[in-house]
Structures are given as structure tokens and as C-alpha cells.
Amino acid sequence: SYADFLIKEFGIDKNKKICKMNKGMMSLVTITIALASGAPITILDEPVSGLDVYMRDRFYALLLEEYARSNRTFILSTHIIEEAANVLEEIIILNDGVVRLKENTQDLIDSCLYVNGLDEVVDRAVSGYERLNTEQMGRNKMVCIRLKPGQSFPTEQYRGELTVSAVPLQKIFVYLTRQAGEENGYASFNDRA
């Protein structure tokens, strides 16, 4: 009955052969099978590939509903990181079969900050913090720092001198994978969260 609901929800033509479907419709068939399977552990590789914004949003809503209802484990592999950020409980970054990072999504997001301002003030302010990325723009500098557990940044101390803001998950992912690639002698590599 859940498969029938999803078929209707996604507008899947049951009489059409899969090989005649476009990429988006094939993704919806795969999503339907995955969600309706009831498997206790369900792995979805690029599930929203070929879907428009509305259908991607609908998929994530249905995924959360199914998770809340069944408490199943869903493993999601995606390149559309920011879009999936709200449904990911935990982030795992793999490279060449090695786990580079395994962390609670919200904890990871909360641990990273952009610090922006005059380069000498930024350098003084971020001294002692892990730097994930630095961008120089004339005399201005923007540094992405990652706080260690229990560490905080004295935002009030620099009020009026610096801008401190959140870092999008996709940018955190880029900075972390670039660091891992540089440690391994790669200029860059293809990873998924």
C-alpha cells in the first residue's frame, strides 16, 4: 500500500517500461522501491539525480516521515550536500575507502565559523584555532575556523572589528576534503557525504 501511495504521489506511470523513462522518473522508481521495501538499512546512492526542486524537496520530506515512523537506518550518498543537510543526522566523509570524518551533522556545522575583517585583526583573532580555509581580498581576510569540543570564539571581543558567521555544510565539506587530498598528495579528489 505504501508503494501504491508513492507511485501516485510521484506520478509514476505503471504501464511505462523503465528503459523508456527519463532519468528523473527512474530515480522516482528507485526511491519508491527503497522507501517501500521496509528494509531496516536502506542505502540510497544519489537518489535525487534528475529530479526537479519540488520532487527533491518532496523526497526529503517523505524520507523524514518514513524515518520517524519506522526508525529505519537510511544511508544517503549525495553530491547535493546543502540540500540534504537538514535530513542528515550524521556525516561520514570517505576517500579511497578510508573514513576521513564521522560526526554529528549539527555538531560539525556548529563547530565551524567564518571570521572576516582586516587581515591583521583576523590573524590575531584566529590564532590558536584550526584553520580550514583562508581567502585574502586586498586588506580583508576571511578565515574558516573549526572549534574543538569545548572551545568557543570570543565574538563579543571583536564586535565592530570582525564579522563572524556560520559556514554552509557544503563549504565545510569542500574545505575538509581539500585538506585530506592535500595530506595524501592530491590536488583534489571526488568524495561524497
N, C-alpha and C. Protein backbone atom coordinates (compact mmCIF):
# COMPACT_ATOMS: atom_id res chain seq x y z
N SER A 1 0.83 -1.21 0.00
CA SER A 1 0.00 0.00 0.00
C SER A 1 0.87 1.26 0.00
N TYR A 2 2.02 1.20 0.68
CA TYR A 2 2.91 2.36 0.70
C TYR A 2 3.51 2.59 -0.69
N ALA A 3 3.85 1.51 -1.38
CA ALA A 3 4.37 1.63 -2.75
C ALA A 3 3.31 2.26 -3.65
N ASP A 4 2.05 1.85 -3.51
CA ASP A 4 0.97 2.43 -4.31
C ASP A 4 0.82 3.92 -4.02
N PHE A 5 0.93 4.29 -2.74
CA PHE A 5 0.86 5.69 -2.36
C PHE A 5 1.99 6.48 -3.04
N LEU A 6 3.22 5.94 -2.99
CA LEU A 6 4.37 6.64 -3.58
C LEU A 6 4.25 6.75 -5.09
N ILE A 7 3.77 5.70 -5.73
CA ILE A 7 3.58 5.71 -7.19
C ILE A 7 2.62 6.84 -7.57
N LYS A 8 1.53 6.95 -6.82
CA LYS A 8 0.56 8.02 -7.08
C LYS A 8 1.17 9.39 -6.75
N GLU A 9 1.86 9.49 -5.61
CA GLU A 9 2.48 10.74 -5.16
C GLU A 9 3.48 11.28 -6.18
N PHE A 10 4.26 10.37 -6.77
CA PHE A 10 5.30 10.76 -7.72
C PHE A 10 4.82 10.80 -9.17
N GLY A 11 3.59 10.37 -9.41
CA GLY A 11 3.06 10.38 -10.77
C GLY A 11 3.75 9.39 -11.69
N ILE A 12 4.11 8.23 -11.16
CA ILE A 12 4.80 7.20 -11.95
C ILE A 12 3.77 6.43 -12.78
N ASP A 13 4.02 6.32 -14.07
CA ASP A 13 3.16 5.57 -14.98
C ASP A 13 3.54 4.10 -14.88
N LYS A 14 2.66 3.29 -14.25
CA LYS A 14 2.94 1.86 -14.04
C LYS A 14 2.99 1.07 -15.34
N ASN A 15 2.44 1.63 -16.40
CA ASN A 15 2.41 0.92 -17.68
C ASN A 15 3.62 1.22 -18.56
N LYS A 16 4.46 2.13 -18.13
CA LYS A 16 5.63 2.51 -18.92
C LYS A 16 6.84 1.67 -18.53
N LYS A 17 7.57 1.18 -19.51
CA LYS A 17 8.77 0.40 -19.23
C LYS A 17 9.84 1.31 -18.65
N ILE A 18 10.58 0.78 -17.69
CA ILE A 18 11.62 1.57 -17.04
C ILE A 18 12.64 2.08 -18.05
N CYS A 19 13.00 1.27 -19.02
CA CYS A 19 14.01 1.69 -20.01
C CYS A 19 13.52 2.86 -20.87
N LYS A 20 12.21 3.13 -20.85
CA LYS A 20 11.65 4.25 -21.62
C LYS A 20 11.47 5.50 -20.77
N MET A 21 11.80 5.40 -19.48
CA MET A 21 11.62 6.54 -18.57
C MET A 21 12.83 7.46 -18.62
N ASN A 22 12.59 8.75 -18.33
CA ASN A 22 13.70 9.69 -18.23
C ASN A 22 14.41 9.48 -16.89
N LYS A 23 15.54 10.14 -16.71
CA LYS A 23 16.37 9.95 -15.52
C LYS A 23 15.61 10.26 -14.24
N GLY A 24 14.83 11.34 -14.23
CA GLY A 24 14.07 11.71 -13.05
C GLY A 24 13.05 10.65 -12.67
N MET A 25 12.32 10.13 -13.66
CA MET A 25 11.32 9.09 -13.38
C MET A 25 11.99 7.81 -12.87
N MET A 26 13.15 7.48 -13.44
CA MET A 26 13.88 6.30 -12.97
C MET A 26 14.31 6.49 -11.51
N SER A 27 14.71 7.71 -11.16
CA SER A 27 15.07 8.00 -9.77
C SER A 27 13.86 7.83 -8.86
N LEU A 28 12.69 8.26 -9.31
CA LEU A 28 11.47 8.12 -8.51
C LEU A 28 11.08 6.66 -8.32
N VAL A 29 11.30 5.84 -9.34
CA VAL A 29 11.03 4.39 -9.21
C VAL A 29 11.98 3.80 -8.16
N THR A 30 13.25 4.18 -8.23
CA THR A 30 14.24 3.69 -7.27
C THR A 30 13.89 4.12 -5.85
N ILE A 31 13.49 5.38 -5.69
CA ILE A 31 13.08 5.89 -4.39
C ILE A 31 11.87 5.12 -3.87
N THR A 32 10.91 4.87 -4.74
CA THR A 32 9.72 4.12 -4.34
C THR A 32 10.09 2.72 -3.84
N ILE A 33 10.95 2.04 -4.57
CA ILE A 33 11.38 0.70 -4.16
C ILE A 33 12.10 0.77 -2.81
N ALA A 34 13.00 1.74 -2.67
CA ALA A 34 13.78 1.87 -1.44
C ALA A 34 12.90 2.17 -0.23
N LEU A 35 12.01 3.16 -0.36
CA LEU A 35 11.17 3.53 0.77
C LEU A 35 10.15 2.46 1.10
N ALA A 36 9.55 1.85 0.08
CA ALA A 36 8.50 0.85 0.30
C ALA A 36 9.05 -0.51 0.70
N SER A 37 10.35 -0.73 0.54
CA SER A 37 10.92 -2.04 0.85
C SER A 37 10.81 -2.39 2.32
N GLY A 38 10.87 -1.38 3.17
CA GLY A 38 10.83 -1.64 4.60
C GLY A 38 12.13 -2.20 5.14
N ALA A 39 13.17 -2.23 4.32
CA ALA A 39 14.46 -2.78 4.76
C ALA A 39 14.98 -1.99 5.96
N PRO A 40 15.48 -2.66 6.99
CA PRO A 40 15.95 -1.94 8.18
C PRO A 40 17.13 -1.01 7.90
N ILE A 41 17.95 -1.35 6.91
CA ILE A 41 19.03 -0.49 6.47
C ILE A 41 18.86 -0.29 4.97
N THR A 42 18.69 0.96 4.56
CA THR A 42 18.44 1.27 3.16
C THR A 42 19.51 2.25 2.67
N ILE A 43 20.22 1.86 1.61
CA ILE A 43 21.28 2.69 1.05
C ILE A 43 20.76 3.33 -0.23
N LEU A 44 20.87 4.65 -0.29
CA LEU A 44 20.42 5.41 -1.46
C LEU A 44 21.61 6.16 -2.04
N ASP A 45 21.99 5.83 -3.26
CA ASP A 45 23.13 6.47 -3.92
C ASP A 45 22.60 7.49 -4.92
N GLU A 46 22.86 8.76 -4.64
CA GLU A 46 22.39 9.87 -5.49
C GLU A 46 20.89 9.73 -5.80
N PRO A 47 20.05 9.63 -4.78
CA PRO A 47 18.63 9.38 -5.02
C PRO A 47 17.89 10.50 -5.74
N VAL A 48 18.36 11.73 -5.65
CA VAL A 48 17.64 12.85 -6.25
C VAL A 48 18.17 13.23 -7.63
N SER A 49 19.03 12.41 -8.18
CA SER A 49 19.60 12.67 -9.50
C SER A 49 18.49 12.76 -10.54
N GLY A 50 18.46 13.87 -11.25
CA GLY A 50 17.47 14.06 -12.31
C GLY A 50 16.13 14.61 -11.84
N LEU A 51 15.98 14.86 -10.54
CA LEU A 51 14.71 15.36 -10.02
C LEU A 51 14.71 16.89 -9.97
N ASP A 52 13.54 17.47 -10.19
CA ASP A 52 13.42 18.92 -10.07
C ASP A 52 13.36 19.30 -8.59
N VAL A 53 13.41 20.58 -8.31
CA VAL A 53 13.47 21.08 -6.93
C VAL A 53 12.27 20.61 -6.11
N TYR A 54 11.09 20.65 -6.68
CA TYR A 54 9.89 20.23 -5.95
C TYR A 54 9.98 18.77 -5.55
N MET A 55 10.34 17.91 -6.49
CA MET A 55 10.40 16.47 -6.20
C MET A 55 11.53 16.13 -5.23
N ARG A 56 12.64 16.87 -5.31
CA ARG A 56 13.72 16.64 -4.33
C ARG A 56 13.23 16.99 -2.94
N ASP A 57 12.54 18.11 -2.82
CA ASP A 57 12.00 18.52 -1.53
C ASP A 57 10.99 17.50 -1.02
N ARG A 58 10.14 17.03 -1.91
CA ARG A 58 9.13 16.04 -1.53
C ARG A 58 9.78 14.74 -1.06
N PHE A 59 10.84 14.31 -1.78
CA PHE A 59 11.56 13.11 -1.39
C PHE A 59 12.11 13.24 0.04
N TYR A 60 12.77 14.37 0.33
CA TYR A 60 13.35 14.54 1.67
C TYR A 60 12.27 14.54 2.74
N ALA A 61 11.12 15.14 2.45
CA ALA A 61 10.01 15.14 3.40
C ALA A 61 9.51 13.72 3.65
N LEU A 62 9.35 12.95 2.57
CA LEU A 62 8.89 11.56 2.72
C LEU A 62 9.94 10.70 3.44
N LEU A 63 11.20 10.95 3.18
CA LEU A 63 12.28 10.22 3.84
C LEU A 63 12.21 10.47 5.35
N LEU A 64 12.05 11.73 5.75
CA LEU A 64 11.95 12.04 7.17
C LEU A 64 10.71 11.43 7.81
N GLU A 65 9.59 11.45 7.08
CA GLU A 65 8.36 10.84 7.59
C GLU A 65 8.56 9.34 7.81
N GLU A 66 9.19 8.68 6.85
CA GLU A 66 9.42 7.24 6.97
C GLU A 66 10.39 6.93 8.10
N TYR A 67 11.41 7.75 8.24
CA TYR A 67 12.37 7.56 9.34
C TYR A 67 11.67 7.71 10.69
N ALA A 68 10.84 8.75 10.83
CA ALA A 68 10.12 8.99 12.08
C ALA A 68 9.15 7.86 12.39
N ARG A 69 8.51 7.32 11.34
CA ARG A 69 7.54 6.25 11.51
C ARG A 69 8.19 4.92 11.85
N SER A 70 9.28 4.59 11.15
CA SER A 70 9.84 3.25 11.24
C SER A 70 11.17 3.15 12.00
N ASN A 71 11.85 4.28 12.17
CA ASN A 71 13.18 4.32 12.78
C ASN A 71 14.20 3.47 12.01
N ARG A 72 13.96 3.33 10.70
CA ARG A 72 14.91 2.62 9.84
C ARG A 72 16.18 3.45 9.69
N THR A 73 17.27 2.79 9.31
CA THR A 73 18.51 3.50 9.03
C THR A 73 18.60 3.75 7.53
N PHE A 74 18.78 5.01 7.16
CA PHE A 74 18.96 5.39 5.76
C PHE A 74 20.37 5.92 5.58
N ILE A 75 21.09 5.36 4.63
CA ILE A 75 22.42 5.84 4.28
C ILE A 75 22.28 6.52 2.94
N LEU A 76 22.63 7.79 2.91
CA LEU A 76 22.43 8.63 1.73
C LEU A 76 23.77 9.10 1.20
N SER A 77 24.05 8.77 -0.04
CA SER A 77 25.26 9.25 -0.71
C SER A 77 24.83 10.31 -1.70
N THR A 78 25.42 11.52 -1.57
CA THR A 78 24.96 12.61 -2.43
C THR A 78 26.06 13.64 -2.67
N HIS A 79 25.95 14.32 -3.79
CA HIS A 79 26.81 15.46 -4.09
C HIS A 79 26.06 16.77 -3.81
N ILE A 80 24.76 16.69 -3.60
CA ILE A 80 23.95 17.88 -3.31
C ILE A 80 23.87 18.00 -1.79
N ILE A 81 24.96 18.40 -1.20
CA ILE A 81 25.15 18.35 0.25
C ILE A 81 24.26 19.33 0.99
N GLU A 82 24.23 20.57 0.56
CA GLU A 82 23.48 21.59 1.30
C GLU A 82 22.00 21.25 1.36
N GLU A 83 21.49 20.72 0.26
CA GLU A 83 20.07 20.37 0.19
C GLU A 83 19.73 19.24 1.16
N ALA A 84 20.66 18.31 1.32
CA ALA A 84 20.42 17.15 2.19
C ALA A 84 20.77 17.42 3.64
N ALA A 85 21.39 18.55 3.93
CA ALA A 85 21.90 18.84 5.27
C ALA A 85 20.82 18.73 6.35
N ASN A 86 19.61 19.14 6.04
CA ASN A 86 18.55 19.13 7.05
C ASN A 86 18.04 17.74 7.40
N VAL A 87 18.36 16.74 6.59
CA VAL A 87 17.88 15.39 6.89
C VAL A 87 19.00 14.47 7.36
N LEU A 88 20.23 14.95 7.32
CA LEU A 88 21.36 14.11 7.70
C LEU A 88 21.64 14.22 9.19
N GLU A 89 21.57 13.09 9.86
CA GLU A 89 21.86 13.06 11.30
C GLU A 89 23.36 12.98 11.54
N GLU A 90 24.04 12.28 10.64
CA GLU A 90 25.48 12.10 10.80
C GLU A 90 26.15 12.21 9.44
N ILE A 91 27.33 12.81 9.42
CA ILE A 91 28.11 12.97 8.20
C ILE A 91 29.30 12.01 8.27
N ILE A 92 29.51 11.29 7.19
CA ILE A 92 30.70 10.45 7.05
C ILE A 92 31.34 10.81 5.72
N ILE A 93 32.59 11.20 5.77
CA ILE A 93 33.33 11.52 4.55
C ILE A 93 34.33 10.40 4.31
N LEU A 94 34.23 9.78 3.14
CA LEU A 94 35.12 8.69 2.76
C LEU A 94 36.02 9.13 1.62
N ASN A 95 37.25 8.62 1.63
CA ASN A 95 38.15 8.80 0.49
C ASN A 95 38.99 7.55 0.37
N ASP A 96 38.97 6.94 -0.80
CA ASP A 96 39.72 5.71 -1.05
C ASP A 96 39.46 4.66 0.02
N GLY A 97 38.21 4.55 0.46
CA GLY A 97 37.82 3.54 1.44
C GLY A 97 38.21 3.87 2.87
N VAL A 98 38.77 5.06 3.09
CA VAL A 98 39.19 5.48 4.43
C VAL A 98 38.20 6.52 4.95
N VAL A 99 37.73 6.33 6.18
CA VAL A 99 36.83 7.31 6.79
C VAL A 99 37.66 8.51 7.21
N ARG A 100 37.38 9.66 6.59
CA ARG A 100 38.11 10.90 6.89
C ARG A 100 37.43 11.69 8.01
N LEU A 101 36.12 11.51 8.13
CA LEU A 101 35.38 12.24 9.15
C LEU A 101 34.08 11.49 9.42
N LYS A 102 33.71 11.39 10.69
CA LYS A 102 32.43 10.80 11.10
C LYS A 102 31.96 11.63 12.27
N GLU A 103 30.90 12.41 12.03
CA GLU A 103 30.48 13.36 13.06
C GLU A 103 29.00 13.69 12.92
N ASN A 104 28.39 14.05 14.03
CA ASN A 104 27.01 14.52 14.02
C ASN A 104 26.94 15.77 13.15
N THR A 105 25.96 15.83 12.26
CA THR A 105 25.85 16.92 11.30
C THR A 105 25.78 18.29 11.98
N GLN A 106 24.89 18.44 12.96
CA GLN A 106 24.73 19.74 13.61
C GLN A 106 25.96 20.13 14.39
N ASP A 107 26.61 19.15 15.05
CA ASP A 107 27.84 19.45 15.78
C ASP A 107 28.92 19.95 14.84
N LEU A 108 29.02 19.33 13.66
CA LEU A 108 30.01 19.76 12.67
C LEU A 108 29.73 21.19 12.21
N ILE A 109 28.47 21.47 11.87
CA ILE A 109 28.09 22.81 11.42
C ILE A 109 28.37 23.84 12.52
N ASP A 110 28.01 23.51 13.76
CA ASP A 110 28.19 24.44 14.88
C ASP A 110 29.67 24.69 15.19
N SER A 111 30.54 23.76 14.81
CA SER A 111 31.96 23.90 15.14
C SER A 111 32.73 24.77 14.16
N CYS A 112 32.11 25.15 13.06
CA CYS A 112 32.82 25.92 12.03
C CYS A 112 32.27 27.35 11.93
N LEU A 113 33.18 28.30 11.80
CA LEU A 113 32.81 29.71 11.71
C LEU A 113 33.65 30.42 10.66
N TYR A 114 33.03 31.38 9.98
CA TYR A 114 33.77 32.31 9.14
C TYR A 114 34.13 33.52 10.01
N VAL A 115 35.39 33.94 9.95
CA VAL A 115 35.84 35.14 10.64
C VAL A 115 36.36 36.06 9.54
N ASN A 116 35.77 37.26 9.43
CA ASN A 116 36.04 38.15 8.31
C ASN A 116 36.35 39.55 8.82
N GLY A 117 37.40 40.17 8.24
CA GLY A 117 37.75 41.53 8.60
C GLY A 117 39.12 41.90 8.07
N LEU A 118 39.71 42.97 8.62
CA LEU A 118 41.06 43.36 8.23
C LEU A 118 42.03 42.23 8.56
N ASP A 119 42.95 41.96 7.63
CA ASP A 119 43.81 40.78 7.77
C ASP A 119 44.55 40.70 9.09
N GLU A 120 45.09 41.82 9.60
CA GLU A 120 45.85 41.75 10.85
C GLU A 120 44.95 41.44 12.05
N VAL A 121 43.70 41.93 12.02
CA VAL A 121 42.76 41.64 13.11
C VAL A 121 42.32 40.18 13.04
N VAL A 122 42.05 39.71 11.83
CA VAL A 122 41.65 38.31 11.65
C VAL A 122 42.78 37.39 12.12
N ASP A 123 44.02 37.67 11.69
CA ASP A 123 45.15 36.83 12.09
C ASP A 123 45.28 36.76 13.61
N ARG A 124 45.13 37.88 14.27
CA ARG A 124 45.21 37.92 15.74
C ARG A 124 44.05 37.12 16.36
N ALA A 125 42.86 37.29 15.82
CA ALA A 125 41.67 36.65 16.38
C ALA A 125 41.67 35.13 16.20
N VAL A 126 42.18 34.63 15.09
CA VAL A 126 42.10 33.19 14.82
C VAL A 126 43.36 32.44 15.26
N SER A 127 44.30 33.13 15.85
CA SER A 127 45.50 32.47 16.36
C SER A 127 45.09 31.41 17.39
N GLY A 128 45.56 30.21 17.21
CA GLY A 128 45.24 29.12 18.14
C GLY A 128 44.04 28.28 17.73
N TYR A 129 43.38 28.67 16.65
CA TYR A 129 42.24 27.89 16.15
C TYR A 129 42.66 27.12 14.90
N GLU A 130 42.01 25.97 14.68
CA GLU A 130 42.25 25.20 13.46
C GLU A 130 41.68 25.96 12.27
N ARG A 131 42.50 26.19 11.26
CA ARG A 131 42.06 26.89 10.06
C ARG A 131 41.74 25.87 8.97
N LEU A 132 40.52 25.96 8.45
CA LEU A 132 40.13 25.08 7.34
C LEU A 132 40.36 25.74 5.99
N ASN A 133 40.23 27.07 5.96
CA ASN A 133 40.38 27.79 4.68
C ASN A 133 40.66 29.26 4.95
N THR A 134 41.45 29.88 4.06
CA THR A 134 41.75 31.30 4.14
C THR A 134 41.58 31.91 2.77
N GLU A 135 40.87 33.05 2.71
CA GLU A 135 40.70 33.80 1.47
C GLU A 135 41.12 35.24 1.73
N GLN A 136 42.05 35.72 0.94
CA GLN A 136 42.55 37.09 1.06
C GLN A 136 41.91 37.93 -0.04
N MET A 137 41.35 39.10 0.34
CA MET A 137 40.75 40.02 -0.62
C MET A 137 41.27 41.42 -0.31
N GLY A 138 42.41 41.77 -0.90
CA GLY A 138 43.05 43.04 -0.57
C GLY A 138 43.53 43.00 0.86
N ARG A 139 43.12 43.99 1.67
CA ARG A 139 43.50 44.01 3.09
C ARG A 139 42.53 43.20 3.95
N ASN A 140 41.46 42.73 3.35
CA ASN A 140 40.50 41.92 4.09
C ASN A 140 40.83 40.45 3.95
N LYS A 141 40.47 39.71 4.99
CA LYS A 141 40.73 38.28 5.01
C LYS A 141 39.50 37.59 5.59
N MET A 142 39.19 36.43 5.03
CA MET A 142 38.13 35.59 5.59
C MET A 142 38.73 34.22 5.86
N VAL A 143 38.63 33.79 7.11
CA VAL A 143 39.17 32.51 7.52
C VAL A 143 38.03 31.65 8.05
N CYS A 144 38.02 30.39 7.62
CA CYS A 144 37.09 29.42 8.19
C CYS A 144 37.85 28.67 9.28
N ILE A 145 37.35 28.76 10.51
CA ILE A 145 37.98 28.04 11.61
C ILE A 145 37.06 26.92 12.08
N ARG A 146 37.68 25.92 12.68
CA ARG A 146 36.92 24.81 13.26
C ARG A 146 37.25 24.74 14.74
N LEU A 147 36.22 24.88 15.56
CA LEU A 147 36.38 24.85 17.00
C LEU A 147 36.51 23.41 17.49
N LYS A 148 37.36 23.20 18.45
CA LYS A 148 37.48 21.89 19.10
C LYS A 148 36.37 21.78 20.13
N PRO A 149 36.01 20.57 20.56
CA PRO A 149 34.98 20.43 21.59
C PRO A 149 35.32 21.28 22.82
N GLY A 150 34.36 22.04 23.29
CA GLY A 150 34.54 22.89 24.45
C GLY A 150 35.16 24.24 24.14
N GLN A 151 35.64 24.43 22.91
CA GLN A 151 36.27 25.69 22.52
C GLN A 151 35.20 26.65 22.00
N SER A 152 35.38 27.94 22.22
CA SER A 152 34.45 28.94 21.70
C SER A 152 35.26 30.08 21.09
N PHE A 153 34.57 30.92 20.35
CA PHE A 153 35.22 32.08 19.75
C PHE A 153 34.69 33.34 20.43
N PRO A 154 35.57 34.27 20.85
CA PRO A 154 35.12 35.48 21.58
C PRO A 154 34.53 36.54 20.65
N THR A 155 33.37 36.26 20.10
CA THR A 155 32.73 37.16 19.15
C THR A 155 32.55 38.56 19.72
N GLU A 156 32.11 38.66 20.95
CA GLU A 156 31.86 39.97 21.58
C GLU A 156 33.13 40.82 21.65
N GLN A 157 34.25 40.17 21.88
CA GLN A 157 35.53 40.88 21.99
C GLN A 157 35.88 41.61 20.70
N TYR A 158 35.42 41.08 19.59
CA TYR A 158 35.77 41.65 18.28
C TYR A 158 34.58 42.36 17.61
N ARG A 159 33.55 42.65 18.38
CA ARG A 159 32.37 43.34 17.81
C ARG A 159 32.81 44.66 17.20
N GLY A 160 32.37 44.91 15.97
CA GLY A 160 32.72 46.12 15.27
C GLY A 160 34.00 46.00 14.45
N GLU A 161 34.84 45.00 14.76
CA GLU A 161 36.07 44.79 14.01
C GLU A 161 35.97 43.62 13.04
N LEU A 162 35.22 42.62 13.45
CA LEU A 162 35.11 41.39 12.66
C LEU A 162 33.65 41.00 12.45
N THR A 163 33.43 40.29 11.37
CA THR A 163 32.13 39.66 11.14
C THR A 163 32.33 38.16 11.34
N VAL A 164 31.51 37.57 12.19
CA VAL A 164 31.58 36.14 12.46
C VAL A 164 30.26 35.54 12.00
N SER A 165 30.34 34.51 11.15
CA SER A 165 29.11 33.93 10.61
C SER A 165 29.25 32.42 10.45
N ALA A 166 28.10 31.78 10.24
CA ALA A 166 28.05 30.32 10.06
C ALA A 166 28.62 29.95 8.69
N VAL A 167 29.10 28.71 8.59
CA VAL A 167 29.65 28.19 7.35
C VAL A 167 28.68 27.13 6.82
N PRO A 168 28.27 27.24 5.55
CA PRO A 168 27.38 26.21 4.99
C PRO A 168 28.07 24.84 4.98
N LEU A 169 27.29 23.80 5.19
CA LEU A 169 27.83 22.44 5.24
C LEU A 169 28.62 22.09 3.98
N GLN A 170 28.15 22.51 2.83
CA GLN A 170 28.85 22.19 1.58
C GLN A 170 30.26 22.78 1.58
N LYS A 171 30.41 24.00 2.09
CA LYS A 171 31.74 24.62 2.17
C LYS A 171 32.63 23.87 3.16
N ILE A 172 32.08 23.46 4.30
CA ILE A 172 32.84 22.67 5.27
C ILE A 172 33.36 21.40 4.59
N PHE A 173 32.48 20.76 3.85
CA PHE A 173 32.84 19.54 3.13
C PHE A 173 33.99 19.82 2.16
N VAL A 174 33.89 20.90 1.40
CA VAL A 174 34.95 21.25 0.44
C VAL A 174 36.27 21.46 1.16
N TYR A 175 36.25 22.22 2.25
CA TYR A 175 37.50 22.51 2.96
C TYR A 175 38.11 21.24 3.55
N LEU A 176 37.27 20.38 4.15
CA LEU A 176 37.79 19.16 4.76
C LEU A 176 38.33 18.19 3.73
N THR A 177 37.63 18.05 2.59
CA THR A 177 38.11 17.11 1.57
C THR A 177 39.36 17.64 0.89
N ARG A 178 39.47 18.95 0.74
CA ARG A 178 40.67 19.54 0.16
C ARG A 178 41.87 19.27 1.07
N GLN A 179 41.67 19.44 2.38
CA GLN A 179 42.75 19.17 3.34
C GLN A 179 43.18 17.71 3.26
N ALA A 180 42.21 16.80 3.23
CA ALA A 180 42.54 15.37 3.15
C ALA A 180 43.27 15.06 1.86
N GLY A 181 42.84 15.70 0.76
CA GLY A 181 43.50 15.48 -0.52
C GLY A 181 44.93 15.99 -0.51
N GLU A 182 45.15 17.15 0.11
CA GLU A 182 46.50 17.71 0.18
C GLU A 182 47.40 16.84 1.05
N GLU A 183 46.83 16.27 2.14
CA GLU A 183 47.61 15.37 3.00
C GLU A 183 48.04 14.12 2.25
N ASN A 184 47.22 13.70 1.28
CA ASN A 184 47.52 12.49 0.52
C ASN A 184 48.25 12.79 -0.79
N GLY A 185 48.60 14.04 -1.02
CA GLY A 185 49.32 14.39 -2.24
C GLY A 185 48.43 14.64 -3.43
N TYR A 186 47.11 14.72 -3.21
CA TYR A 186 46.18 15.02 -4.29
C TYR A 186 45.94 16.52 -4.32
N ALA A 187 45.73 17.05 -5.47
CA ALA A 187 45.29 18.45 -5.57
C ALA A 187 43.82 18.52 -5.21
N SER A 188 43.05 17.54 -5.67
CA SER A 188 41.64 17.42 -5.33
C SER A 188 41.21 16.00 -5.65
N PHE A 189 40.07 15.62 -5.14
CA PHE A 189 39.52 14.30 -5.43
C PHE A 189 38.02 14.34 -5.29
N ASN A 190 37.38 13.29 -5.76
CA ASN A 190 35.93 13.25 -5.79
C ASN A 190 35.43 12.46 -4.58
N ASP A 191 34.71 13.12 -3.68
CA ASP A 191 34.17 12.49 -2.48
C ASP A 191 32.68 12.72 -2.41
N ARG A 192 32.06 11.98 -1.54
CA ARG A 192 30.64 12.16 -1.27
C ARG A 192 30.40 12.15 0.22
N ALA A 193 29.37 12.86 0.64
CA ALA A 193 28.97 12.84 2.06
C ALA A 193 27.76 11.94 2.16
